[in-house]
N, C-alpha and C. Protein backbone atom coordinates (compact mmCIF):
# COMPACT_ATOMS: atom_id res chain seq x y z
N UNK A 1 1.05 -1.12 -0.28
CA UNK A 1 -0.26 0.04 -0.06
C UNK A 1 1.01 1.20 -0.28
N UNK A 2 0.94 1.85 -1.00
CA UNK A 2 1.39 4.00 -0.92
C UNK A 2 0.42 4.58 0.22
N UNK A 3 1.45 5.12 0.68
CA UNK A 3 0.88 6.00 1.83
C UNK A 3 -0.10 7.30 1.28
N UNK A 4 -0.20 7.16 0.07
CA UNK A 4 -0.25 8.68 -0.69
C UNK A 4 0.11 9.89 -0.57
N UNK A 5 1.50 9.70 0.14
CA UNK A 5 2.02 11.24 0.32
C UNK A 5 2.71 11.67 -0.92
N UNK A 6 2.75 10.85 -1.92
CA UNK A 6 3.70 10.87 -3.15
C UNK A 6 2.79 11.89 -4.46
N UNK A 7 2.02 12.10 -4.03
CA UNK A 7 1.16 13.19 -4.90
C UNK A 7 0.43 12.54 -6.07
N UNK A 8 -0.03 12.84 -6.91
CA UNK A 8 -0.86 12.63 -7.64
C UNK A 8 -0.83 11.32 -8.32
N UNK A 9 0.38 10.72 -8.66
CA UNK A 9 0.44 9.75 -9.72
C UNK A 9 1.28 8.72 -8.90
N UNK A 10 1.44 7.56 -9.04
CA UNK A 10 2.10 6.42 -8.67
C UNK A 10 3.85 6.90 -8.78
N UNK A 11 4.39 7.30 -8.23
CA UNK A 11 5.82 7.35 -8.32
C UNK A 11 6.40 8.66 -8.18
N UNK A 12 5.60 9.74 -8.56
CA UNK A 12 5.71 10.79 -8.56
C UNK A 12 5.63 11.23 -7.25
N UNK A 13 7.05 12.67 -7.26
CA UNK A 13 7.10 13.13 -5.86
C UNK A 13 7.68 14.60 -6.01
N UNK A 14 7.80 14.73 -4.68
CA UNK A 14 8.21 16.39 -4.80
C UNK A 14 7.41 17.42 -4.54
N UNK A 15 8.01 18.68 -4.39
CA UNK A 15 7.33 19.91 -4.00
C UNK A 15 6.15 20.05 -5.20
N UNK A 16 5.93 20.09 -5.95
CA UNK A 16 4.63 20.34 -6.86
C UNK A 16 4.05 19.33 -6.73
N UNK A 17 3.77 18.13 -6.74
CA UNK A 17 2.96 17.06 -6.35
C UNK A 17 2.13 17.29 -4.78
N UNK A 18 2.62 17.87 -3.69
CA UNK A 18 2.55 18.11 -2.50
C UNK A 18 1.87 19.00 -2.84
N UNK A 19 2.00 20.13 -3.49
CA UNK A 19 1.32 21.52 -3.94
C UNK A 19 0.20 20.80 -4.41
N UNK A 20 0.18 20.34 -5.19
CA UNK A 20 -1.16 19.81 -6.12
C UNK A 20 -2.13 19.23 -4.98
N UNK A 21 -1.62 18.22 -4.22
CA UNK A 21 -2.73 17.90 -3.37
C UNK A 21 -2.90 18.47 -2.20
N UNK A 22 -2.18 19.23 -1.86
CA UNK A 22 -2.59 20.34 -0.94
C UNK A 22 -4.02 21.06 -1.43
N UNK A 23 -3.63 21.64 -2.80
CA UNK A 23 -4.84 22.20 -3.28
C UNK A 23 -6.06 21.39 -3.45
N UNK A 24 -6.00 20.39 -4.01
CA UNK A 24 -7.05 19.73 -3.93
C UNK A 24 -8.00 19.40 -2.71
N UNK A 25 -7.13 19.13 -1.80
CA UNK A 25 -7.48 18.96 -0.58
C UNK A 25 -8.14 19.97 -0.03
N UNK A 26 -7.84 21.04 0.07
CA UNK A 26 -8.41 22.25 0.34
C UNK A 26 -9.61 22.47 -0.62
N UNK A 27 -9.54 22.40 -1.69
CA UNK A 27 -11.03 22.71 -2.30
C UNK A 27 -11.88 21.69 -2.00
N UNK A 28 -11.62 20.19 -1.86
CA UNK A 28 -12.66 19.58 -0.96
C UNK A 28 -13.01 19.67 0.01
N UNK A 29 -12.58 19.72 0.96
CA UNK A 29 -12.42 20.48 2.08
C UNK A 29 -13.73 21.39 2.09
N UNK A 30 -13.33 22.64 1.17
CA UNK A 30 -14.41 23.75 1.45
C UNK A 30 -15.72 23.00 0.50
N UNK A 31 -15.75 22.19 -0.38
CA UNK A 31 -16.71 21.91 -1.19
C UNK A 31 -18.03 21.82 -0.25
N UNK A 32 -19.23 22.24 -1.04
CA UNK A 32 -20.40 21.53 -0.07
C UNK A 32 -20.63 20.15 -0.22
N UNK A 33 -21.18 19.40 0.91
CA UNK A 33 -21.20 17.86 0.74
C UNK A 33 -21.82 17.41 -0.38
N UNK A 34 -22.87 18.32 -0.53
CA UNK A 34 -23.72 17.56 -1.48
C UNK A 34 -23.40 17.38 -2.83
N UNK A 35 -22.34 18.93 -3.18
CA UNK A 35 -21.74 18.50 -4.47
C UNK A 35 -21.03 17.43 -4.54
N UNK A 36 -20.10 17.28 -3.61
CA UNK A 36 -19.17 15.49 -3.57
C UNK A 36 -20.40 14.54 -3.53
N UNK A 37 -21.03 14.65 -2.84
CA UNK A 37 -22.00 13.54 -2.70
C UNK A 37 -22.92 12.95 -4.38
N UNK A 38 -22.86 14.55 -4.99
CA UNK A 38 -23.36 13.90 -6.36
C UNK A 38 -22.59 13.58 -7.50
N UNK A 39 -21.26 14.24 -7.02
CA UNK A 39 -20.00 13.68 -7.99
C UNK A 39 -20.11 12.24 -7.81
N UNK A 40 -19.68 11.82 -6.31
CA UNK A 40 -19.88 10.59 -6.17
C UNK A 40 -20.81 9.20 -6.87
N UNK A 41 -22.01 9.96 -6.73
CA UNK A 41 -23.05 9.30 -7.68
C UNK A 41 -22.66 9.06 -8.79
N UNK A 42 -22.04 10.28 -9.44
CA UNK A 42 -22.40 10.18 -11.06
C UNK A 42 -20.94 9.39 -11.36
N UNK A 43 -19.64 8.74 -10.84
CA UNK A 43 -18.76 7.70 -11.20
C UNK A 43 -19.45 6.97 -11.70
N UNK A 44 -19.00 6.26 -12.87
CA UNK A 44 -19.40 4.98 -13.29
C UNK A 44 -18.91 3.65 -12.92
N UNK A 45 -17.16 3.70 -12.37
CA UNK A 45 -17.19 2.59 -11.54
C UNK A 45 -16.24 3.01 -10.62
N UNK A 46 -17.29 2.74 -9.52
CA UNK A 46 -16.63 3.61 -8.19
C UNK A 46 -15.86 2.13 -7.40
N UNK A 47 -14.31 2.62 -7.34
CA UNK A 47 -13.37 1.38 -6.66
C UNK A 47 -13.78 1.16 -5.18
N UNK A 48 -13.41 0.26 -4.95
CA UNK A 48 -13.27 -0.61 -3.28
C UNK A 48 -12.54 0.13 -2.91
N UNK A 49 -12.86 0.36 -1.32
CA UNK A 49 -11.78 1.01 -0.43
C UNK A 49 -12.17 0.67 0.67
N UNK A 50 -11.28 0.45 2.15
CA UNK A 50 -11.64 0.11 3.10
C UNK A 50 -11.45 1.07 4.05
N UNK A 51 -12.04 1.32 5.28
CA UNK A 51 -11.45 2.51 6.29
C UNK A 51 -10.54 2.13 6.76
N UNK A 52 -9.51 2.87 7.21
CA UNK A 52 -8.32 2.76 7.65
C UNK A 52 -8.71 3.87 9.04
N UNK A 53 -9.30 4.62 9.24
CA UNK A 53 -9.82 5.69 10.46
C UNK A 53 -11.44 5.96 9.83
N UNK A 54 -12.26 5.38 10.61
CA UNK A 54 -13.50 5.34 10.44
C UNK A 54 -13.85 7.39 10.62
N UNK A 55 -14.68 7.73 9.63
CA UNK A 55 -14.94 9.06 10.58
C UNK A 55 -14.95 9.47 11.54
N UNK A 56 -14.12 10.31 12.32
CA UNK A 56 -14.84 10.76 13.93
C UNK A 56 -14.44 12.56 13.80
N UNK A 57 -14.98 12.86 15.03
CA UNK A 57 -15.23 14.37 15.18
C UNK A 57 -14.50 14.53 16.70
N UNK A 58 -13.65 15.30 16.33
CA UNK A 58 -12.66 16.17 17.57
C UNK A 58 -12.70 17.90 17.68
N UNK A 59 -11.28 17.83 18.35
CA UNK A 59 -11.38 19.55 18.22
C UNK A 59 -9.87 19.73 18.04
N UNK A 60 -9.71 20.65 17.36
CA UNK A 60 -7.91 21.24 16.87
C UNK A 60 -7.99 22.58 17.72
N UNK A 61 -6.56 22.85 17.76
CA UNK A 61 -6.50 23.85 18.27
C UNK A 61 -6.26 25.25 17.31
N UNK A 62 -6.57 26.14 17.50
CA UNK A 62 -6.50 27.39 15.92
C UNK A 62 -5.69 28.42 16.98
N UNK A 63 -4.39 28.68 15.83
CA UNK A 63 -3.55 29.81 17.01
C UNK A 63 -3.01 30.24 15.38
N UNK A 64 -2.60 31.94 15.95
CA UNK A 64 -2.60 32.46 15.07
C UNK A 64 -1.67 33.73 14.95
N UNK A 65 -1.55 34.75 14.20
CA UNK A 65 -0.77 35.67 14.68
C UNK A 65 -1.16 37.09 14.28
N UNK A 66 -1.15 38.07 15.23
CA UNK A 66 -1.57 39.33 14.64
C UNK A 66 -0.78 39.59 13.27
N UNK A 67 -1.58 40.31 12.36
CA UNK A 67 -1.23 40.74 11.23
C UNK A 67 -0.28 39.61 10.47
N UNK A 68 -0.42 38.46 11.08
CA UNK A 68 0.65 37.54 10.39
C UNK A 68 2.00 37.30 10.76
N UNK A 69 2.41 38.04 11.42
CA UNK A 69 3.48 38.13 12.02
C UNK A 69 3.42 38.52 13.38
N UNK A 70 5.06 38.10 13.99
CA UNK A 70 5.19 38.20 15.32
C UNK A 70 4.83 36.88 16.38
N UNK A 71 4.50 36.65 17.68
CA UNK A 71 4.37 35.35 18.19
C UNK A 71 3.07 35.05 18.23
N UNK A 72 2.91 33.50 18.07
CA UNK A 72 1.62 32.84 17.93
C UNK A 72 1.08 32.93 19.25
N UNK A 73 -0.27 32.77 19.47
CA UNK A 73 -1.48 32.83 19.98
C UNK A 73 -2.19 31.73 19.74
N UNK A 74 -3.13 31.07 21.02
CA UNK A 74 -3.80 30.29 20.70
C UNK A 74 -5.04 31.24 20.84
N UNK A 75 -5.56 30.94 19.75
CA UNK A 75 -7.32 31.65 19.13
C UNK A 75 -8.65 30.70 20.10
N UNK A 76 -8.33 29.50 20.11
CA UNK A 76 -9.18 28.75 20.67
C UNK A 76 -9.39 27.35 19.57
N UNK A 77 -10.46 26.69 20.18
CA UNK A 77 -10.46 25.37 19.40
C UNK A 77 -11.60 25.45 18.39
N UNK A 78 -11.62 24.60 17.24
CA UNK A 78 -12.80 24.59 16.68
C UNK A 78 -13.23 22.71 16.59
N UNK A 79 -14.46 22.51 16.10
CA UNK A 79 -14.61 21.11 15.62
C UNK A 79 -14.07 20.78 14.47
N UNK A 80 -13.58 19.42 14.23
CA UNK A 80 -13.09 18.97 13.31
C UNK A 80 -13.42 17.69 13.07
N UNK A 81 -13.65 17.16 11.67
CA UNK A 81 -13.84 15.71 11.26
C UNK A 81 -12.41 15.18 10.37
N UNK A 82 -12.40 13.91 10.78
CA UNK A 82 -11.14 13.33 9.58
C UNK A 82 -11.67 12.03 9.51
N UNK A 83 -10.64 11.21 8.16
CA UNK A 83 -11.40 10.08 7.89
C UNK A 83 -9.89 9.56 7.02
N UNK A 84 -9.56 8.42 7.49
CA UNK A 84 -8.39 7.93 6.46
C UNK A 84 -9.00 6.66 6.15
N UNK A 85 -8.64 6.23 4.62
CA UNK A 85 -9.25 4.87 4.05
C UNK A 85 -8.20 4.69 2.61
N UNK A 86 -8.28 3.49 2.08
CA UNK A 86 -7.32 2.81 1.29
C UNK A 86 -8.59 2.52 0.31
N UNK A 87 -8.06 3.04 -1.21
CA UNK A 87 -8.80 2.79 -1.98
C UNK A 87 -7.79 1.90 -2.68
N UNK A 88 -8.59 0.92 -3.57
CA UNK A 88 -7.93 0.19 -4.61
C UNK A 88 -7.86 0.41 -5.89
N UNK A 89 -6.25 0.42 -6.19
CA UNK A 89 -6.02 1.24 -6.93
C UNK A 89 -6.14 0.60 -8.38
N UNK A 90 -6.75 -0.67 -8.58
CA UNK A 90 -7.10 -1.59 -9.53
C UNK A 90 -6.20 -2.56 -10.20
N UNK A 91 -5.32 -2.48 -9.65
CA UNK A 91 -4.00 -3.58 -10.12
C UNK A 91 -3.26 -3.93 -8.81
N UNK A 92 -4.27 -4.33 -7.55
CA UNK A 92 -3.55 -5.37 -6.58
C UNK A 92 -3.32 -4.40 -5.36
N UNK A 93 -3.04 -3.25 -5.88
CA UNK A 93 -2.49 -2.04 -4.43
C UNK A 93 -3.37 -0.95 -3.94
N UNK A 94 -3.01 -0.19 -3.33
CA UNK A 94 -3.90 0.82 -2.25
C UNK A 94 -3.32 2.10 -2.36
N UNK A 95 -4.09 3.00 -2.63
CA UNK A 95 -3.81 4.39 -2.38
C UNK A 95 -4.79 5.12 -1.14
N UNK A 96 -4.04 5.56 0.03
CA UNK A 96 -4.44 5.95 0.88
C UNK A 96 -4.91 7.22 0.73
N UNK A 97 -6.16 7.94 1.34
CA UNK A 97 -7.22 9.02 0.79
C UNK A 97 -7.46 9.45 2.60
N UNK A 98 -7.17 10.82 2.66
CA UNK A 98 -7.40 11.57 3.97
C UNK A 98 -8.36 12.00 3.88
N UNK A 99 -9.06 12.85 4.78
CA UNK A 99 -10.20 13.82 4.53
C UNK A 99 -10.57 14.60 5.94
N UNK A 100 -9.97 16.01 5.82
CA UNK A 100 -10.54 16.88 7.30
C UNK A 100 -10.79 18.00 7.15
N UNK A 101 -11.98 18.31 7.80
CA UNK A 101 -13.11 18.94 7.13
C UNK A 101 -13.45 19.85 8.68
N UNK A 102 -13.84 21.09 8.53
CA UNK A 102 -14.03 21.67 9.90
C UNK A 102 -15.89 21.60 9.99
N UNK A 103 -16.01 21.37 11.00
CA UNK A 103 -17.43 21.28 11.51
C UNK A 103 -17.43 19.83 11.96
N UNK A 104 -18.73 19.17 12.14
CA UNK A 104 -19.25 17.85 12.45
C UNK A 104 -19.87 16.85 11.71
N UNK A 105 -19.24 17.16 10.36
CA UNK A 105 -20.11 16.46 9.17
C UNK A 105 -19.14 15.23 8.58
N UNK A 106 -19.45 13.92 9.55
CA UNK A 106 -18.27 12.71 9.31
C UNK A 106 -18.29 12.34 7.73
N UNK A 107 -20.16 12.59 7.20
CA UNK A 107 -20.04 11.79 5.80
C UNK A 107 -19.12 12.97 4.93
N UNK A 108 -18.94 14.06 5.14
CA UNK A 108 -18.21 15.18 4.05
C UNK A 108 -16.83 14.93 4.20
N UNK A 109 -16.35 14.44 5.52
CA UNK A 109 -15.10 13.76 5.63
C UNK A 109 -14.50 12.54 5.05
N UNK A 110 -15.68 11.41 5.24
CA UNK A 110 -15.26 10.48 4.31
C UNK A 110 -15.24 10.88 2.63
N UNK A 111 -16.32 11.55 2.14
CA UNK A 111 -16.08 11.83 0.77
C UNK A 111 -14.62 12.67 0.15
N UNK A 112 -14.07 13.72 1.39
CA UNK A 112 -12.90 14.13 1.08
C UNK A 112 -11.77 13.02 0.75
N UNK A 113 -12.33 12.09 2.09
CA UNK A 113 -10.84 11.10 1.51
C UNK A 113 -11.34 9.89 0.55
N UNK A 114 -12.24 10.21 0.30
CA UNK A 114 -12.44 9.24 -0.85
C UNK A 114 -12.11 9.66 -2.49
N UNK A 115 -12.07 10.80 -2.25
CA UNK A 115 -11.75 11.61 -3.62
C UNK A 115 -10.28 12.00 -3.66
N UNK A 116 -9.74 12.32 -2.43
CA UNK A 116 -8.06 12.33 -2.65
C UNK A 116 -7.80 11.42 -2.93
N UNK A 117 -8.30 9.86 -2.36
CA UNK A 117 -7.57 8.62 -2.83
C UNK A 117 -7.84 8.32 -4.39
N UNK A 118 -9.11 8.76 -5.05
CA UNK A 118 -9.13 8.56 -6.27
C UNK A 118 -8.53 9.89 -7.00
N UNK A 119 -8.03 10.99 -6.49
CA UNK A 119 -7.10 11.90 -7.39
C UNK A 119 -5.73 11.62 -7.31
N UNK A 120 -5.45 10.77 -6.76
CA UNK A 120 -3.81 10.06 -6.85
C UNK A 120 -3.83 8.76 -8.09
N UNK A 121 -5.26 8.29 -8.56
CA UNK A 121 -4.77 7.23 -9.57
C UNK A 121 -5.08 7.87 -11.24
N UNK A 122 -4.08 7.59 -11.68
CA UNK A 122 -4.16 8.17 -13.31
C UNK A 122 -5.63 7.78 -13.76
N UNK A 123 -6.22 6.97 -13.67
CA UNK A 123 -7.73 6.76 -14.38
C UNK A 123 -8.94 7.63 -14.09
N UNK A 124 -8.69 8.30 -12.67
CA UNK A 124 -9.89 9.03 -12.02
C UNK A 124 -8.87 10.59 -12.30
N UNK A 125 -7.88 10.83 -11.70
CA UNK A 125 -7.34 11.94 -11.46
C UNK A 125 -7.71 13.24 -12.16
N UNK A 126 -7.14 13.08 -13.85
CA UNK A 126 -7.37 13.92 -14.63
C UNK A 126 -9.10 14.18 -15.00
N UNK A 127 -9.77 13.06 -14.87
CA UNK A 127 -11.29 13.49 -14.93
C UNK A 127 -12.00 14.34 -13.84
N UNK A 128 -11.39 13.56 -12.70
CA UNK A 128 -12.05 14.59 -11.50
C UNK A 128 -11.37 16.05 -11.56
N UNK A 129 -10.29 16.43 -12.07
CA UNK A 129 -9.74 17.65 -12.09
C UNK A 129 -10.59 18.15 -12.97
N UNK A 130 -11.04 18.04 -13.97
CA UNK A 130 -11.83 18.93 -14.61
C UNK A 130 -13.14 19.12 -15.00
N UNK A 131 -13.91 17.99 -14.12
CA UNK A 131 -15.20 17.49 -13.32
C UNK A 131 -15.89 17.98 -12.21
N UNK A 132 -14.65 18.10 -11.31
CA UNK A 132 -14.73 18.56 -10.04
C UNK A 132 -13.93 19.15 -9.26
N UNK A 133 -12.91 19.27 -9.62
CA UNK A 133 -11.96 20.20 -8.88
C UNK A 133 -11.92 21.67 -9.93
N UNK A 134 -11.63 22.02 -10.75
CA UNK A 134 -11.49 22.86 -11.53
C UNK A 134 -13.00 23.48 -11.48
N UNK A 135 -14.15 23.13 -11.38
CA UNK A 135 -15.28 23.92 -11.09
C UNK A 135 -15.60 24.54 -10.28
N UNK A 136 -15.21 23.71 -9.53
CA UNK A 136 -15.34 24.19 -7.58
C UNK A 136 -14.31 24.54 -7.25
N UNK A 137 -13.02 24.90 -7.56
CA UNK A 137 -11.89 25.91 -7.55
C UNK A 137 -12.61 27.29 -7.91
N UNK A 138 -13.02 27.17 -9.12
CA UNK A 138 -13.88 28.64 -9.73
C UNK A 138 -15.26 29.34 -8.69
N UNK A 139 -15.69 27.95 -8.42
CA UNK A 139 -16.90 28.61 -7.36
C UNK A 139 -16.43 29.51 -6.32
N UNK A 140 -15.38 28.57 -5.90
CA UNK A 140 -15.10 29.19 -4.31
C UNK A 140 -14.16 30.46 -4.62
N UNK A 141 -13.70 30.78 -5.81
CA UNK A 141 -12.40 31.71 -5.99
C UNK A 141 -13.54 32.89 -6.14
N UNK A 142 -14.70 32.94 -7.22
CA UNK A 142 -15.98 33.72 -7.31
C UNK A 142 -16.60 33.60 -5.85
N UNK A 143 -17.14 33.15 -5.18
CA UNK A 143 -17.49 33.58 -3.81
C UNK A 143 -16.73 34.59 -2.86
N UNK A 144 -15.38 34.05 -2.97
CA UNK A 144 -14.38 34.82 -2.38
C UNK A 144 -14.42 36.15 -2.89
N UNK A 145 -14.34 36.37 -4.14
CA UNK A 145 -14.01 37.88 -4.80
C UNK A 145 -15.07 38.68 -4.71
N UNK A 146 -16.55 37.71 -4.70
CA UNK A 146 -17.83 38.70 -4.08
C UNK A 146 -17.80 39.15 -2.73
N UNK A 147 -17.32 38.24 -1.68
CA UNK A 147 -17.13 38.39 -0.43
C UNK A 147 -16.45 39.77 -0.28
N UNK A 148 -15.36 39.74 -0.89
CA UNK A 148 -14.02 40.72 -0.59
C UNK A 148 -14.74 42.13 -1.69
N UNK A 149 -15.33 42.43 -2.61
CA UNK A 149 -16.40 43.18 -3.34
C UNK A 149 -16.84 43.79 -2.11
N UNK A 150 -17.99 43.08 -1.74
CA UNK A 150 -18.99 43.52 -0.45
C UNK A 150 -18.27 44.07 0.28
N UNK A 151 -17.31 43.52 0.97
CA UNK A 151 -16.46 44.32 2.05
C UNK A 151 -15.97 45.41 1.71
N UNK A 152 -15.25 45.61 0.51
CA UNK A 152 -14.72 46.62 -0.17
C UNK A 152 -15.82 48.19 -0.17
N UNK A 153 -17.06 47.90 -0.54
CA UNK A 153 -17.82 48.57 -0.74
C UNK A 153 -18.36 49.27 0.29
N UNK A 154 -18.01 48.43 1.81
CA UNK A 154 -18.52 49.40 3.09
C UNK A 154 -17.17 50.01 3.82
N UNK A 155 -16.23 49.72 2.94
CA UNK A 155 -14.67 50.22 4.00
C UNK A 155 -14.70 52.13 3.85
N UNK A 156 -14.32 51.98 5.30
CA UNK A 156 -14.15 53.17 5.61
C UNK A 156 -12.59 53.65 5.62
N UNK A 157 -12.13 54.62 5.08
CA UNK A 157 -10.85 55.10 5.23
C UNK A 157 -10.55 56.37 5.91
N UNK A 158 -9.62 56.40 6.98
CA UNK A 158 -9.46 57.20 8.41
C UNK A 158 -8.11 57.71 7.84
N UNK A 159 -7.85 58.80 7.93
CA UNK A 159 -6.68 59.84 7.89
C UNK A 159 -6.56 60.69 9.12
N UNK A 160 -5.09 60.77 9.34
CA UNK A 160 -4.92 62.06 10.67
C UNK A 160 -4.33 63.00 9.81
N UNK A 161 -5.09 64.18 10.52
CA UNK A 161 -4.64 65.68 10.38
C UNK A 161 -3.55 66.29 11.04
N UNK A 162 -2.58 66.61 10.78
CA UNK A 162 -1.28 67.21 11.17
C UNK A 162 -1.74 68.55 11.53
N UNK A 163 -1.47 68.55 12.88
CA UNK A 163 -2.09 70.12 13.30
C UNK A 163 -0.62 70.99 13.20
N UNK A 164 -1.29 72.22 12.43
CA UNK A 164 -0.23 73.29 11.81
C UNK A 164 0.20 74.04 13.23
N UNK A 165 1.50 74.36 13.51
CA UNK A 165 1.93 74.92 14.37
C UNK A 165 3.20 76.12 13.66
């Protein structure tokens, strides 16, 4: 069994494949569960999988920095679901898929783990990139852009006047 950390295709490694995996994991974790459920339903050949770690809910400590610099401090805790599974690669091996999502939705974490495993398999990866990942990335970018535009519309500029002496 491969551990799934080598990136999108068997035998590939390096920073670009890790960055690609981090990208699709972030997109999947922020995608609505219903979108992932529908994408799973549309798959023609669903591979077999076995749970390594069943979906479970827990807490994660959130840390931050003021302005992105300076010393870290603990903001608080947030609910988090995680799941790990092994997807059959069709050649007698397995690929590990992992899913982490904010909140308490265990099914969402399961779908993220399933698609993470499938994205690492060449027969599925390219099709899922074009049918699921890229459209979700665009939808999420559009929503973020709309949110920024809405916030910018209500932005207030402050300035300081220098006292003349």
